[in-house]
Structure formats: structure tokens, C-alpha cells
């Protein structure tokens, strides 16, 4: 079973990543690439969460200084 390009794009894979997944010869290769993409997205998510936490901290400090 080969995922559709639309599904892979919706999952956040680039066109090159989607083509690589679709070109896999075995399910094991496909799973390996999909897990790699998942890991990269999770790292990005964590970085974005840290940025949000920092913004929350700055907002809190500005509000505390104003009071």
C-alpha cells in the first residue's frame, strides 16, 4: 500500500520526501522514512513549544513589572 501524494503532503512531507516514500520497495523502507519525517516534525513541534513558553514568560514578566 502506497500512500497518496495528497495524504503525504497533508502530513507535512515535502514533495521530495513524498516521492522518496512512494519509491520505497518494501514496507520496512517506507516505515523508516515515515518515522524519520515524524521525528523531524516532533523536533520542530518541541522547538515551537519552547518559543511559546518563552513568550509566555516574557508576557508574565512585563505584566508583573507593570503592576
N, C-alpha and C. Protein backbone atom coordinates (compact mmCIF):
# COMPACT_ATOMS: atom_id res chain seq x y z
N UNK A 1 0.84 -1.18 0.00
CA UNK A 1 0.00 0.00 0.00
C UNK A 1 0.88 1.24 0.00
N UNK A 2 0.71 2.08 -0.98
CA UNK A 2 1.48 3.29 -1.12
C UNK A 2 0.60 4.50 -0.82
N UNK A 3 1.00 5.32 0.15
CA UNK A 3 0.18 6.50 0.48
C UNK A 3 0.09 7.45 -0.71
N UNK A 4 -1.03 8.15 -0.81
CA UNK A 4 -1.23 9.12 -1.87
C UNK A 4 -0.41 10.37 -1.60
N UNK A 5 -0.04 11.05 -2.66
CA UNK A 5 0.74 12.29 -2.54
C UNK A 5 0.01 13.30 -1.67
N UNK A 6 -1.31 13.41 -1.85
CA UNK A 6 -2.10 14.35 -1.06
C UNK A 6 -1.97 14.05 0.43
N UNK A 7 -2.09 12.79 0.80
CA UNK A 7 -2.01 12.40 2.21
C UNK A 7 -0.63 12.71 2.79
N UNK A 8 0.39 12.44 2.00
CA UNK A 8 1.75 12.71 2.48
C UNK A 8 1.99 14.21 2.63
N UNK A 9 1.47 15.00 1.69
CA UNK A 9 1.61 16.46 1.78
C UNK A 9 0.84 16.98 2.99
N UNK A 10 -0.35 16.45 3.21
CA UNK A 10 -1.16 16.86 4.36
C UNK A 10 -0.46 16.49 5.67
N UNK A 11 0.33 15.44 5.64
CA UNK A 11 1.08 15.01 6.81
C UNK A 11 2.35 15.84 7.00
N UNK A 12 2.61 16.77 6.07
CA UNK A 12 3.74 17.67 6.25
C UNK A 12 5.00 17.29 5.51
N UNK A 13 4.94 16.26 4.68
CA UNK A 13 6.12 15.86 3.93
C UNK A 13 6.30 16.76 2.72
N UNK A 14 7.56 17.05 2.40
CA UNK A 14 7.85 17.82 1.20
C UNK A 14 7.59 16.95 -0.02
N UNK A 15 7.61 17.55 -1.19
CA UNK A 15 7.39 16.79 -2.42
C UNK A 15 8.48 15.73 -2.58
N UNK A 16 9.71 16.11 -2.26
CA UNK A 16 10.83 15.16 -2.39
C UNK A 16 10.68 14.00 -1.40
N UNK A 17 10.26 14.31 -0.17
CA UNK A 17 10.06 13.26 0.82
C UNK A 17 8.93 12.33 0.39
N UNK A 18 7.85 12.90 -0.13
CA UNK A 18 6.72 12.09 -0.58
C UNK A 18 7.14 11.15 -1.71
N UNK A 19 7.91 11.67 -2.65
CA UNK A 19 8.38 10.83 -3.75
C UNK A 19 9.28 9.72 -3.24
N UNK A 20 10.12 10.03 -2.26
CA UNK A 20 11.01 9.01 -1.69
C UNK A 20 10.20 7.91 -1.02
N UNK A 21 9.17 8.30 -0.29
CA UNK A 21 8.31 7.31 0.37
C UNK A 21 7.62 6.43 -0.67
N UNK A 22 7.09 7.06 -1.70
CA UNK A 22 6.36 6.31 -2.73
C UNK A 22 7.29 5.42 -3.55
N UNK A 23 8.57 5.73 -3.56
CA UNK A 23 9.52 4.93 -4.33
C UNK A 23 10.07 3.74 -3.55
N UNK A 24 9.71 3.63 -2.29
CA UNK A 24 10.22 2.53 -1.47
C UNK A 24 9.78 1.19 -2.04
N UNK A 25 10.69 0.24 -1.94
CA UNK A 25 10.42 -1.10 -2.46
C UNK A 25 9.81 -2.02 -1.41
N UNK A 26 10.03 -1.69 -0.14
CA UNK A 26 9.49 -2.55 0.92
C UNK A 26 8.75 -1.70 1.94
N UNK A 27 7.79 -2.31 2.63
CA UNK A 27 7.09 -1.58 3.70
C UNK A 27 8.07 -1.11 4.79
N UNK A 28 9.11 -1.89 5.04
CA UNK A 28 10.07 -1.52 6.07
C UNK A 28 10.78 -0.22 5.72
N UNK A 29 11.16 -0.08 4.44
CA UNK A 29 11.80 1.16 3.98
C UNK A 29 10.84 2.34 4.14
N UNK A 30 9.60 2.11 3.77
CA UNK A 30 8.59 3.16 3.84
C UNK A 30 8.38 3.60 5.29
N UNK A 31 8.27 2.64 6.18
CA UNK A 31 8.06 2.96 7.60
C UNK A 31 9.27 3.73 8.14
N UNK A 32 10.46 3.34 7.75
CA UNK A 32 11.67 4.02 8.20
C UNK A 32 11.65 5.50 7.79
N UNK A 33 11.29 5.78 6.54
CA UNK A 33 11.23 7.16 6.08
C UNK A 33 10.11 7.94 6.76
N UNK A 34 8.97 7.29 6.94
CA UNK A 34 7.86 7.97 7.61
C UNK A 34 8.19 8.28 9.06
N UNK A 35 8.86 7.37 9.73
CA UNK A 35 9.27 7.63 11.12
C UNK A 35 10.30 8.75 11.20
N UNK A 36 11.19 8.80 10.21
CA UNK A 36 12.18 9.88 10.15
C UNK A 36 11.48 11.22 10.00
N UNK A 37 10.48 11.29 9.13
CA UNK A 37 9.72 12.52 8.93
C UNK A 37 8.96 12.89 10.21
N UNK A 38 8.42 11.88 10.88
CA UNK A 38 7.69 12.12 12.13
C UNK A 38 8.61 12.69 13.19
N UNK A 39 9.80 12.14 13.28
CA UNK A 39 10.78 12.60 14.27
C UNK A 39 11.15 14.06 14.01
N UNK A 40 11.36 14.40 12.74
CA UNK A 40 11.71 15.78 12.39
C UNK A 40 10.57 16.73 12.76
N UNK A 41 9.34 16.31 12.51
CA UNK A 41 8.20 17.16 12.86
C UNK A 41 8.06 17.31 14.37
N UNK A 42 8.34 16.25 15.10
CA UNK A 42 8.25 16.31 16.56
C UNK A 42 9.31 17.26 17.12
N UNK A 43 10.51 17.23 16.56
CA UNK A 43 11.56 18.16 16.99
C UNK A 43 11.13 19.61 16.72
N UNK A 44 10.51 19.83 15.56
CA UNK A 44 10.03 21.17 15.22
C UNK A 44 8.93 21.60 16.19
N UNK A 45 8.06 20.68 16.51
CA UNK A 45 6.98 20.97 17.46
C UNK A 45 7.55 21.36 18.82
N UNK A 46 8.55 20.65 19.28
CA UNK A 46 9.16 20.96 20.57
C UNK A 46 9.82 22.34 20.53
N UNK A 47 10.47 22.66 19.44
CA UNK A 47 11.10 23.98 19.31
C UNK A 47 10.05 25.08 19.35
N UNK A 48 8.93 24.86 18.66
CA UNK A 48 7.85 25.85 18.67
C UNK A 48 7.24 25.98 20.06
N UNK A 49 7.14 24.86 20.79
CA UNK A 49 6.60 24.91 22.16
C UNK A 49 7.53 25.70 23.06
N UNK A 50 8.84 25.53 22.90
CA UNK A 50 9.80 26.29 23.70
C UNK A 50 9.67 27.78 23.39
N UNK A 51 9.47 28.13 22.13
CA UNK A 51 9.30 29.53 21.75
C UNK A 51 8.04 30.10 22.41
N UNK A 52 6.96 29.33 22.42
CA UNK A 52 5.72 29.78 23.08
C UNK A 52 5.92 29.94 24.58
N UNK A 53 6.62 29.01 25.19
CA UNK A 53 6.90 29.10 26.62
C UNK A 53 7.71 30.36 26.94
N UNK A 54 8.67 30.68 26.09
CA UNK A 54 9.47 31.88 26.28
C UNK A 54 8.61 33.13 26.15
N UNK A 55 7.74 33.16 25.15
CA UNK A 55 6.83 34.29 25.02
C UNK A 55 5.93 34.44 26.24
N UNK A 56 5.41 33.35 26.74
CA UNK A 56 4.58 33.38 27.95
C UNK A 56 5.36 33.95 29.13
N UNK A 57 6.60 33.55 29.26
CA UNK A 57 7.47 34.03 30.34
C UNK A 57 7.69 35.53 30.21
N UNK A 58 7.97 36.01 28.99
CA UNK A 58 8.18 37.44 28.77
C UNK A 58 6.91 38.22 29.07
N UNK A 59 5.77 37.73 28.61
CA UNK A 59 4.50 38.39 28.87
C UNK A 59 4.25 38.49 30.37
N UNK A 60 4.50 37.41 31.07
CA UNK A 60 4.31 37.38 32.52
C UNK A 60 5.20 38.43 33.20
N UNK A 61 6.46 38.51 32.78
CA UNK A 61 7.39 39.47 33.38
C UNK A 61 6.98 40.91 33.08
N UNK A 62 6.51 41.17 31.88
CA UNK A 62 6.07 42.53 31.53
C UNK A 62 4.85 42.91 32.36
N UNK A 63 3.93 41.99 32.50
CA UNK A 63 2.73 42.27 33.29
C UNK A 63 3.07 42.45 34.75
N UNK A 64 4.01 41.67 35.28
CA UNK A 64 4.39 41.78 36.69
C UNK A 64 5.11 43.10 36.95
N UNK A 65 5.91 43.57 36.00
CA UNK A 65 6.64 44.82 36.16
C UNK A 65 5.69 46.02 36.12
N UNK A 66 4.60 45.86 35.37
CA UNK A 66 3.63 46.93 35.22
C UNK A 66 2.78 47.08 36.48
N UNK A 67 2.62 46.02 37.23
CA UNK A 67 1.73 46.03 38.39
C UNK A 67 2.34 46.67 39.61
